[in-house]
Amino acid sequence: MIFDTHAHYDSNAFNADRDALLEQVHAAGVELIVDPGCDLESSRTAIALAERFDFVYAAVGFHPEDLDKYSDEAFDELRPLAEHPKCVAIGEIGLDYYWDAEHKEEQKALFRRQIEWALKLCKPIIVHDREAHGDCLEIVRDYPSLRGVFHCYSGSAEMAGELLRRGWYLGFDGPVTYKNARRALEVLEICPLERILIETDSPYLSPVPLRGKRNDSRNLRYVAEKIAQVKGVSTEEIERITLENGKTLFQLP
């Protein structure tokens, strides 16, 4: 059994076959899925999916790429969703300087506001960090009790080491299977098995040999296989350990 800790089944890419596909991936051995929202609308959709499928859980939040959709009013509407019994985290939140390097201060303010909200709710966070490694690390350092996962981790091994010492998890996706995955593999080598989560980021980041196609949770086995090669254990062991890691982080039975 396997746990896809980050998949966007709220995406329009799944509009044609969402319900049928979710049944298929569950039948294929995907025991649990977390669907993180990126704005108010997608957070609502993630909660609705979690209500319909017992193996789907949700996270809610404002993604840095959706800064333009954020307002105090929208944030107030998001608050009740975080208290839903199937909301297990605040996310996907963080910083993205790849798509938007002009609003760094606004992104950081929103990131901090959502971190402080998560701490009040005693929920972990799901961090999006793209070309903003230094600022992301500086911000999470300011909250020693904060825990969560750096989704699709792309930082250095040195930064990973500090996050691991602070009790964070690191998420690994399809890019670990790519030819240019040298940094991700270096991080994997130092990351203890008990701090690894596996993700698809569906419908994005399909692994080799499916790169360029719509991704779904059934493809998580390719990620698990690559991690197993790096860590020198069986794929089944990676699936088992990461399932338990996800349950621990998101406080699932």
C-alpha atoms as a PDB file:
ATOM      1  CA  MET A   1       0.000   0.000   0.000  1.00  0.00           C
ATOM      2  CA  ILE A   2       1.186   3.499  -0.820  1.00  0.00           C
ATOM      3  CA  PHE A   3       0.500   7.090   0.319  1.00  0.00           C
ATOM      4  CA  ASP A   4       0.492   9.916  -2.231  1.00  0.00           C
ATOM      5  CA  THR A   5       1.013  12.833   0.125  1.00  0.00           C
ATOM      6  CA  HIS A   6       0.597  15.535  -2.546  1.00  0.00           C
ATOM      7  CA  ALA A   7      -1.778  15.280  -5.515  1.00  0.00           C
ATOM      8  CA  HIS A   8      -4.023  17.958  -7.000  1.00  0.00           C
ATOM      9  CA  TYR A   9      -7.133  16.026  -7.980  1.00  0.00           C
ATOM     10  CA  ASP A  10      -9.013  19.317  -7.691  1.00  0.00           C
ATOM     11  CA  SER A  11      -7.238  20.355 -10.933  1.00  0.00           C
ATOM     12  CA  ASN A  12      -9.243  20.949 -14.092  1.00  0.00           C
ATOM     13  CA  ALA A  13      -6.996  18.356 -15.746  1.00  0.00           C
ATOM     14  CA  PHE A  14      -9.153  15.720 -14.039  1.00  0.00           C
ATOM     15  CA  ASN A  15     -12.570  17.157 -14.855  1.00  0.00           C
ATOM     16  CA  ALA A  16     -13.379  14.482 -17.447  1.00  0.00           C
ATOM     17  CA  ASP A  17     -12.688  11.416 -15.282  1.00  0.00           C
ATOM     18  CA  ARG A  18     -11.906  12.503 -11.708  1.00  0.00           C
ATOM     19  CA  ASP A  19     -14.205  10.162  -9.770  1.00  0.00           C
ATOM     20  CA  ALA A  20     -13.500   7.111 -11.899  1.00  0.00           C
ATOM     21  CA  LEU A  21      -9.755   7.758 -11.759  1.00  0.00           C
ATOM     22  CA  LEU A  22      -9.733   8.070  -7.988  1.00  0.00           C
ATOM     23  CA  GLU A  23     -11.480   4.713  -7.708  1.00  0.00           C
ATOM     24  CA  GLN A  24      -8.915   3.222 -10.094  1.00  0.00           C
ATOM     25  CA  VAL A  25      -5.888   4.511  -8.221  1.00  0.00           C
ATOM     26  CA  HIS A  26      -7.297   3.269  -4.923  1.00  0.00           C
ATOM     27  CA  ALA A  27      -7.945  -0.160  -6.425  1.00  0.00           C
ATOM     28  CA  ALA A  28      -4.348  -0.148  -7.692  1.00  0.00           C
ATOM     29  CA  GLY A  29      -2.996   0.039  -4.134  1.00  0.00           C
ATOM     30  CA  VAL A  30      -2.924   3.752  -3.323  1.00  0.00           C
ATOM     31  CA  GLU A  31      -4.213   3.630   0.233  1.00  0.00           C
ATOM     32  CA  LEU A  32      -4.200   7.360   1.038  1.00  0.00           C
ATOM     33  CA  ILE A  33      -4.022  10.692  -0.793  1.00  0.00           C
ATOM     34  CA  VAL A  34      -3.643  14.279   0.418  1.00  0.00           C
ATOM     35  CA  ASP A  35      -5.032  16.923  -1.938  1.00  0.00           C
ATOM     36  CA  PRO A  36      -3.658  20.383  -1.051  1.00  0.00           C
ATOM     37  CA  GLY A  37      -5.574  23.498  -2.015  1.00  0.00           C
ATOM     38  CA  CYS A  38      -3.862  26.499  -3.591  1.00  0.00           C
ATOM     39  CA  ASP A  39      -6.579  29.144  -3.133  1.00  0.00           C
ATOM     40  CA  LEU A  40     -10.089  29.377  -1.726  1.00  0.00           C
ATOM     41  CA  GLU A  41     -11.780  27.603  -4.636  1.00  0.00           C
ATOM     42  CA  SER A  42      -9.338  24.698  -4.890  1.00  0.00           C
ATOM     43  CA  SER A  43      -9.334  24.301  -1.109  1.00  0.00           C
ATOM     44  CA  ARG A  44     -13.119  23.971  -1.182  1.00  0.00           C
ATOM     45  CA  THR A  45     -12.837  21.374  -3.945  1.00  0.00           C
ATOM     46  CA  ALA A  46     -10.196  19.433  -2.003  1.00  0.00           C
ATOM     47  CA  ILE A  47     -12.463  19.318   1.056  1.00  0.00           C
ATOM     48  CA  ALA A  48     -15.399  18.189  -1.096  1.00  0.00           C
ATOM     49  CA  LEU A  49     -13.302  15.351  -2.541  1.00  0.00           C
ATOM     50  CA  ALA A  50     -12.235  14.318   0.946  1.00  0.00           C
ATOM     51  CA  GLU A  51     -15.880  14.175   1.981  1.00  0.00           C
ATOM     52  CA  ARG A  52     -16.747  11.893  -0.957  1.00  0.00           C
ATOM     53  CA  PHE A  53     -13.769   9.530  -0.807  1.00  0.00           C
ATOM     54  CA  ASP A  54     -12.767   8.052   2.530  1.00  0.00           C
ATOM     55  CA  PHE A  55      -9.125   7.566   1.414  1.00  0.00           C
ATOM     56  CA  VAL A  56      -8.704  11.227   0.364  1.00  0.00           C
ATOM     57  CA  TYR A  57      -7.692  13.952   2.804  1.00  0.00           C
ATOM     58  CA  ALA A  58      -7.304  17.675   2.185  1.00  0.00           C
ATOM     59  CA  ALA A  59      -5.081  20.615   3.015  1.00  0.00           C
ATOM     60  CA  VAL A  60      -6.122  24.235   2.585  1.00  0.00           C
ATOM     61  CA  GLY A  61      -4.187  27.413   1.941  1.00  0.00           C
ATOM     62  CA  PHE A  62      -3.002  30.070  -0.470  1.00  0.00           C
ATOM     63  CA  HIS A  63      -0.163  29.115  -2.827  1.00  0.00           C
ATOM     64  CA  PRO A  64       2.345  31.911  -3.549  1.00  0.00           C
ATOM     65  CA  GLU A  65       1.458  31.767  -7.262  1.00  0.00           C
ATOM     66  CA  ASP A  66      -2.127  32.609  -6.256  1.00  0.00           C
ATOM     67  CA  LEU A  67      -1.218  35.728  -4.340  1.00  0.00           C
ATOM     68  CA  ASP A  68      -3.559  37.728  -6.568  1.00  0.00           C
ATOM     69  CA  LYS A  69      -6.520  35.687  -5.294  1.00  0.00           C
ATOM     70  CA  TYR A  70      -5.724  36.410  -1.665  1.00  0.00           C
ATOM     71  CA  SER A  71      -7.663  38.949   0.397  1.00  0.00           C
ATOM     72  CA  ASP A  72      -8.670  39.268   4.032  1.00  0.00           C
ATOM     73  CA  GLU A  73     -12.197  38.282   3.025  1.00  0.00           C
ATOM     74  CA  ALA A  74     -10.998  35.161   1.173  1.00  0.00           C
ATOM     75  CA  PHE A  75      -8.805  34.229   4.129  1.00  0.00           C
ATOM     76  CA  ASP A  76     -11.780  34.513   6.467  1.00  0.00           C
ATOM     77  CA  GLU A  77     -13.752  32.187   4.197  1.00  0.00           C
ATOM     78  CA  LEU A  78     -10.863  29.706   4.208  1.00  0.00           C
ATOM     79  CA  ARG A  79     -10.716  29.492   8.001  1.00  0.00           C
ATOM     80  CA  PRO A  80     -13.713  27.168   8.538  1.00  0.00           C
ATOM     81  CA  LEU A  81     -12.330  24.731   5.951  1.00  0.00           C
ATOM     82  CA  ALA A  82      -9.211  24.227   8.067  1.00  0.00           C
ATOM     83  CA  GLU A  83     -11.375  22.996  10.926  1.00  0.00           C
ATOM     84  CA  HIS A  84     -12.965  20.265   8.798  1.00  0.00           C
ATOM     85  CA  PRO A  85     -12.174  16.825  10.275  1.00  0.00           C
ATOM     86  CA  LYS A  86     -10.537  15.721   7.027  1.00  0.00           C
ATOM     87  CA  CYS A  87      -8.275  18.767   6.698  1.00  0.00           C
ATOM     88  CA  VAL A  88      -4.879  17.483   7.827  1.00  0.00           C
ATOM     89  CA  ALA A  89      -2.575  20.421   7.022  1.00  0.00           C
ATOM     90  CA  ILE A  90      -2.251  24.020   5.908  1.00  0.00           C
ATOM     91  CA  GLY A  91      -0.914  24.079   2.383  1.00  0.00           C
ATOM     92  CA  GLU A  92       0.189  24.429  -0.246  1.00  0.00           C
ATOM     93  CA  ILE A  93       1.886  27.559   1.063  1.00  0.00           C
ATOM     94  CA  GLY A  94       5.327  29.092   0.740  1.00  0.00           C
ATOM     95  CA  LEU A  95       7.420  31.192  -1.630  1.00  0.00           C
ATOM     96  CA  ASP A  96       7.911  31.124  -5.408  1.00  0.00           C
ATOM     97  CA  TYR A  97      10.489  33.480  -6.917  1.00  0.00           C
ATOM     98  CA  TYR A  98      10.558  31.605 -10.233  1.00  0.00           C
ATOM     99  CA  TRP A  99       7.135  32.835 -11.355  1.00  0.00           C
ATOM    100  CA  ASP A 100       6.997  36.002  -9.294  1.00  0.00           C
ATOM    101  CA  ALA A 101      10.128  37.774  -8.093  1.00  0.00           C
ATOM    102  CA  GLU A 102       8.397  41.167  -7.888  1.00  0.00           C
ATOM    103  CA  HIS A 103       6.233  40.524  -4.825  1.00  0.00           C
ATOM    104  CA  LYS A 104       8.646  38.850  -2.446  1.00  0.00           C
ATOM    105  CA  GLU A 105       7.607  40.825   0.610  1.00  0.00           C
ATOM    106  CA  GLU A 106       3.913  40.137   0.002  1.00  0.00           C
ATOM    107  CA  GLN A 107       4.643  36.433  -0.422  1.00  0.00           C
ATOM    108  CA  LYS A 108       6.650  36.330   2.802  1.00  0.00           C
ATOM    109  CA  ALA A 109       3.910  38.120   4.735  1.00  0.00           C
ATOM    110  CA  LEU A 110       1.289  35.665   3.488  1.00  0.00           C
ATOM    111  CA  PHE A 111       3.562  32.704   4.261  1.00  0.00           C
ATOM    112  CA  ARG A 112       4.044  33.900   7.832  1.00  0.00           C
ATOM    113  CA  ARG A 113       0.348  34.558   8.333  1.00  0.00           C
ATOM    114  CA  GLN A 114      -0.509  31.010   7.277  1.00  0.00           C
ATOM    115  CA  ILE A 115       2.286  29.510   9.390  1.00  0.00           C
ATOM    116  CA  GLU A 116       0.960  31.276  12.468  1.00  0.00           C
ATOM    117  CA  TRP A 117      -2.529  30.059  11.616  1.00  0.00           C
ATOM    118  CA  ALA A 118      -1.258  26.477  11.326  1.00  0.00           C
ATOM    119  CA  LEU A 119       0.459  26.726  14.703  1.00  0.00           C
ATOM    120  CA  LYS A 120      -2.766  27.909  16.343  1.00  0.00           C
ATOM    121  CA  LEU A 121      -4.584  24.944  14.800  1.00  0.00           C
ATOM    122  CA  CYS A 122      -1.776  22.489  15.702  1.00  0.00           C
ATOM    123  CA  LYS A 123      -1.550  21.387  12.071  1.00  0.00           C
ATOM    124  CA  PRO A 124       1.565  20.748   9.959  1.00  0.00           C
ATOM    125  CA  ILE A 125       2.231  22.749   6.818  1.00  0.00           C
ATOM    126  CA  ILE A 126       2.993  21.797   3.220  1.00  0.00           C
ATOM    127  CA  VAL A 127       5.686  24.111   1.853  1.00  0.00           C
ATOM    128  CA  HIS A 128       6.136  25.168  -1.758  1.00  0.00           C
ATOM    129  CA  ASP A 129       9.693  26.476  -2.214  1.00  0.00           C
ATOM    130  CA  ARG A 130      10.810  27.394  -5.726  1.00  0.00           C
ATOM    131  CA  GLU A 131      14.004  29.392  -6.102  1.00  0.00           C
ATOM    132  CA  ALA A 132      13.376  30.860  -2.637  1.00  0.00           C
ATOM    133  CA  HIS A 133      15.412  28.470  -0.511  1.00  0.00           C
ATOM    134  CA  GLY A 134      17.168  31.040   1.670  1.00  0.00           C
ATOM    135  CA  ASP A 135      14.022  32.971   2.528  1.00  0.00           C
ATOM    136  CA  CYS A 136      11.977  29.807   3.144  1.00  0.00           C
ATOM    137  CA  LEU A 137      14.598  28.499   5.542  1.00  0.00           C
ATOM    138  CA  GLU A 138      14.932  31.852   7.303  1.00  0.00           C
ATOM    139  CA  ILE A 139      11.183  32.013   7.861  1.00  0.00           C
ATOM    140  CA  VAL A 140      10.701  28.477   9.193  1.00  0.00           C
ATOM    141  CA  ARG A 141      13.683  28.998  11.530  1.00  0.00           C
ATOM    142  CA  ASP A 142      11.603  31.665  13.265  1.00  0.00           C
ATOM    143  CA  TYR A 143       9.045  29.033  14.331  1.00  0.00           C
ATOM    144  CA  PRO A 144      10.930  26.278  16.197  1.00  0.00           C
ATOM    145  CA  SER A 145       7.798  24.252  16.972  1.00  0.00           C
ATOM    146  CA  LEU A 146       6.607  24.295  13.357  1.00  0.00           C
ATOM    147  CA  ARG A 147       6.558  20.979  11.496  1.00  0.00           C
ATOM    148  CA  GLY A 148       5.618  19.859   8.025  1.00  0.00           C
ATOM    149  CA  VAL A 149       7.016  18.832   4.670  1.00  0.00           C
ATOM    150  CA  PHE A 150       9.018  20.694   2.049  1.00  0.00           C
ATOM    151  CA  HIS A 151       7.073  19.480  -0.982  1.00  0.00           C
ATOM    152  CA  CYS A 152       9.075  18.414  -4.057  1.00  0.00           C
ATOM    153  CA  TYR A 153      12.268  19.318  -2.241  1.00  0.00           C
ATOM    154  CA  SER A 154      14.727  21.155  -4.493  1.00  0.00           C
ATOM    155  CA  GLY A 155      17.127  22.797  -2.061  1.00  0.00           C
ATOM    156  CA  SER A 156      20.700  21.849  -1.192  1.00  0.00           C
ATOM    157  CA  ALA A 157      21.860  18.937   0.921  1.00  0.00           C
ATOM    158  CA  GLU A 158      23.067  21.467   3.512  1.00  0.00           C
ATOM    159  CA  MET A 159      19.615  23.035   3.808  1.00  0.00           C
ATOM    160  CA  ALA A 160      18.056  19.560   3.929  1.00  0.00           C
ATOM    161  CA  GLY A 161      20.336  18.676   6.822  1.00  0.00           C
ATOM    162  CA  GLU A 162      19.149  21.648   8.841  1.00  0.00           C
ATOM    163  CA  LEU A 163      15.490  20.939   8.104  1.00  0.00           C
ATOM    164  CA  LEU A 164      15.936  17.299   9.107  1.00  0.00           C
ATOM    165  CA  ARG A 165      17.571  18.317  12.380  1.00  0.00           C
ATOM    166  CA  ARG A 166      14.542  20.505  13.039  1.00  0.00           C
ATOM    167  CA  GLY A 167      12.136  17.603  12.520  1.00  0.00           C
ATOM    168  CA  TRP A 168      10.917  18.313   8.996  1.00  0.00           C
ATOM    169  CA  TYR A 169       9.974  15.829   6.289  1.00  0.00           C
ATOM    170  CA  LEU A 170      11.101  16.080   2.667  1.00  0.00           C
ATOM    171  CA  GLY A 171       8.821  15.223  -0.253  1.00  0.00           C
ATOM    172  CA  PHE A 172      10.166  13.528  -3.386  1.00  0.00           C
ATOM    173  CA  ASP A 173       8.359  13.404  -6.735  1.00  0.00           C
ATOM    174  CA  GLY A 174       8.849  12.427 -10.361  1.00  0.00           C
ATOM    175  CA  PRO A 175      11.950  14.636 -10.823  1.00  0.00           C
ATOM    176  CA  VAL A 176      14.056  12.142  -8.827  1.00  0.00           C
ATOM    177  CA  THR A 177      13.750   9.871 -11.882  1.00  0.00           C
ATOM    178  CA  TYR A 178      15.070  12.511 -14.313  1.00  0.00           C
ATOM    179  CA  LYS A 179      18.595  12.431 -15.765  1.00  0.00           C
ATOM    180  CA  ASN A 180      19.447  15.820 -14.211  1.00  0.00           C
ATOM    181  CA  ALA A 181      18.382  14.804 -10.699  1.00  0.00           C
ATOM    182  CA  ARG A 182      21.879  14.986  -9.181  1.00  0.00           C
ATOM    183  CA  ARG A 183      20.947  17.367  -6.340  1.00  0.00           C
ATOM    184  CA  ALA A 184      17.798  15.437  -5.412  1.00  0.00           C
ATOM    185  CA  LEU A 185      19.788  12.203  -5.277  1.00  0.00           C
ATOM    186  CA  GLU A 186      22.414  13.834  -3.027  1.00  0.00           C
ATOM    187  CA  VAL A 187      19.630  14.884  -0.669  1.00  0.00           C
ATOM    188  CA  LEU A 188      18.113  11.403  -0.732  1.00  0.00           C
ATOM    189  CA  GLU A 189      21.431   9.906   0.299  1.00  0.00           C
ATOM    190  CA  ILE A 190      21.490  11.916   3.538  1.00  0.00           C
ATOM    191  CA  CYS A 191      17.754  11.800   4.268  1.00  0.00           C
ATOM    192  CA  PRO A 192      16.784   9.142   6.834  1.00  0.00           C
ATOM    193  CA  LEU A 193      14.078   6.765   5.675  1.00  0.00           C
ATOM    194  CA  GLU A 194      11.816   7.955   8.470  1.00  0.00           C
ATOM    195  CA  ARG A 195      11.755  11.510   7.052  1.00  0.00           C
ATOM    196  CA  ILE A 196      10.942  10.708   3.412  1.00  0.00           C
ATOM    197  CA  LEU A 197       7.514  11.291   1.876  1.00  0.00           C
ATOM    198  CA  ILE A 198       6.626  10.351  -1.689  1.00  0.00           C
ATOM    199  CA  GLU A 199       4.348  12.458  -3.874  1.00  0.00           C
ATOM    200  CA  THR A 200       3.157  12.771  -7.432  1.00  0.00           C
ATOM    201  CA  ASP A 201       2.060  16.436  -7.550  1.00  0.00           C
ATOM    202  CA  SER A 202      -0.530  15.118 -10.020  1.00  0.00           C
ATOM    203  CA  PRO A 203      -1.335  16.117 -12.697  1.00  0.00           C
ATOM    204  CA  TYR A 204       2.204  17.502 -12.918  1.00  0.00           C
ATOM    205  CA  LEU A 205       5.767  16.110 -12.736  1.00  0.00           C
ATOM    206  CA  SER A 206       5.194  12.679 -14.260  1.00  0.00           C
ATOM    207  CA  PRO A 207       8.168  10.376 -13.674  1.00  0.00           C
ATOM    208  CA  VAL A 208      10.256   8.666 -16.307  1.00  0.00           C
ATOM    209  CA  PRO A 209       9.084   6.802 -18.430  1.00  0.00           C
ATOM    210  CA  LEU A 210       5.849   8.862 -18.480  1.00  0.00           C
ATOM    211  CA  ARG A 211       7.368  12.335 -18.488  1.00  0.00           C
ATOM    212  CA  GLY A 212       5.153  14.814 -20.334  1.00  0.00           C
ATOM    213  CA  LYS A 213       1.939  12.885 -19.742  1.00  0.00           C
ATOM    214  CA  ARG A 214      -0.765  13.610 -17.182  1.00  0.00           C
ATOM    215  CA  ASN A 215       0.368  12.242 -13.855  1.00  0.00           C
ATOM    216  CA  ASP A 216      -1.706  10.286 -11.340  1.00  0.00           C
ATOM    217  CA  SER A 217      -1.052   8.402  -8.125  1.00  0.00           C
ATOM    218  CA  ARG A 218      -0.515   5.036  -9.795  1.00  0.00           C
ATOM    219  CA  ASN A 219       2.796   6.386 -11.090  1.00  0.00           C
ATOM    220  CA  LEU A 220       4.139   6.806  -7.576  1.00  0.00           C
ATOM    221  CA  ARG A 221       5.717   3.354  -7.886  1.00  0.00           C
ATOM    222  CA  TYR A 222       8.386   4.796 -10.198  1.00  0.00           C
ATOM    223  CA  VAL A 223       9.356   7.312  -7.525  1.00  0.00           C
ATOM    224  CA  ALA A 224       9.420   4.575  -4.883  1.00  0.00           C
ATOM    225  CA  GLU A 225      11.576   2.379  -7.123  1.00  0.00           C
ATOM    226  CA  LYS A 226      14.158   5.131  -7.626  1.00  0.00           C
ATOM    227  CA  ILE A 227      14.320   5.934  -3.926  1.00  0.00           C
ATOM    228  CA  ALA A 228      14.705   2.220  -3.158  1.00  0.00           C
ATOM    229  CA  GLN A 229      17.706   2.058  -5.513  1.00  0.00           C
ATOM    230  CA  VAL A 230      19.370   5.020  -3.809  1.00  0.00           C
ATOM    231  CA  LYS A 231      18.708   3.763  -0.283  1.00  0.00           C
ATOM    232  CA  GLY A 232      19.534   0.117  -0.993  1.00  0.00           C
ATOM    233  CA  VAL A 233      16.222  -1.352   0.153  1.00  0.00           C
ATOM    234  CA  SER A 234      13.240  -2.885  -1.593  1.00  0.00           C
ATOM    235  CA  THR A 235      10.512  -0.842  -3.256  1.00  0.00           C
ATOM    236  CA  GLU A 236       8.007  -2.486  -0.925  1.00  0.00           C
ATOM    237  CA  GLU A 237       9.992  -1.249   2.071  1.00  0.00           C
ATOM    238  CA  ILE A 238       9.968   2.319   0.741  1.00  0.00           C
ATOM    239  CA  GLU A 239       6.218   2.124   0.181  1.00  0.00           C
ATOM    240  CA  ARG A 240       5.653   0.791   3.702  1.00  0.00           C
ATOM    241  CA  ILE A 241       7.908   3.308   5.438  1.00  0.00           C
ATOM    242  CA  THR A 242       6.612   6.329   3.542  1.00  0.00           C
ATOM    243  CA  LEU A 243       3.035   5.259   4.217  1.00  0.00           C
ATOM    244  CA  GLU A 244       3.780   5.262   7.934  1.00  0.00           C
ATOM    245  CA  ASN A 245       5.698   8.552   7.671  1.00  0.00           C
ATOM    246  CA  GLY A 246       2.711  10.222   6.033  1.00  0.00           C
ATOM    247  CA  LYS A 247       0.347   8.892   8.673  1.00  0.00           C
ATOM    248  CA  THR A 248       2.626  10.210  11.394  1.00  0.00           C
ATOM    249  CA  LEU A 249       2.993  13.703   9.934  1.00  0.00           C
ATOM    250  CA  PHE A 250      -0.691  14.134   9.138  1.00  0.00           C
ATOM    251  CA  GLN A 251      -1.833  12.437  12.357  1.00  0.00           C
ATOM    252  CA  LEU A 252      -3.843   9.719  10.642  1.00  0.00           C
ATOM    253  CA  PRO A 253      -4.773   6.433  12.310  1.00  0.00           C
END
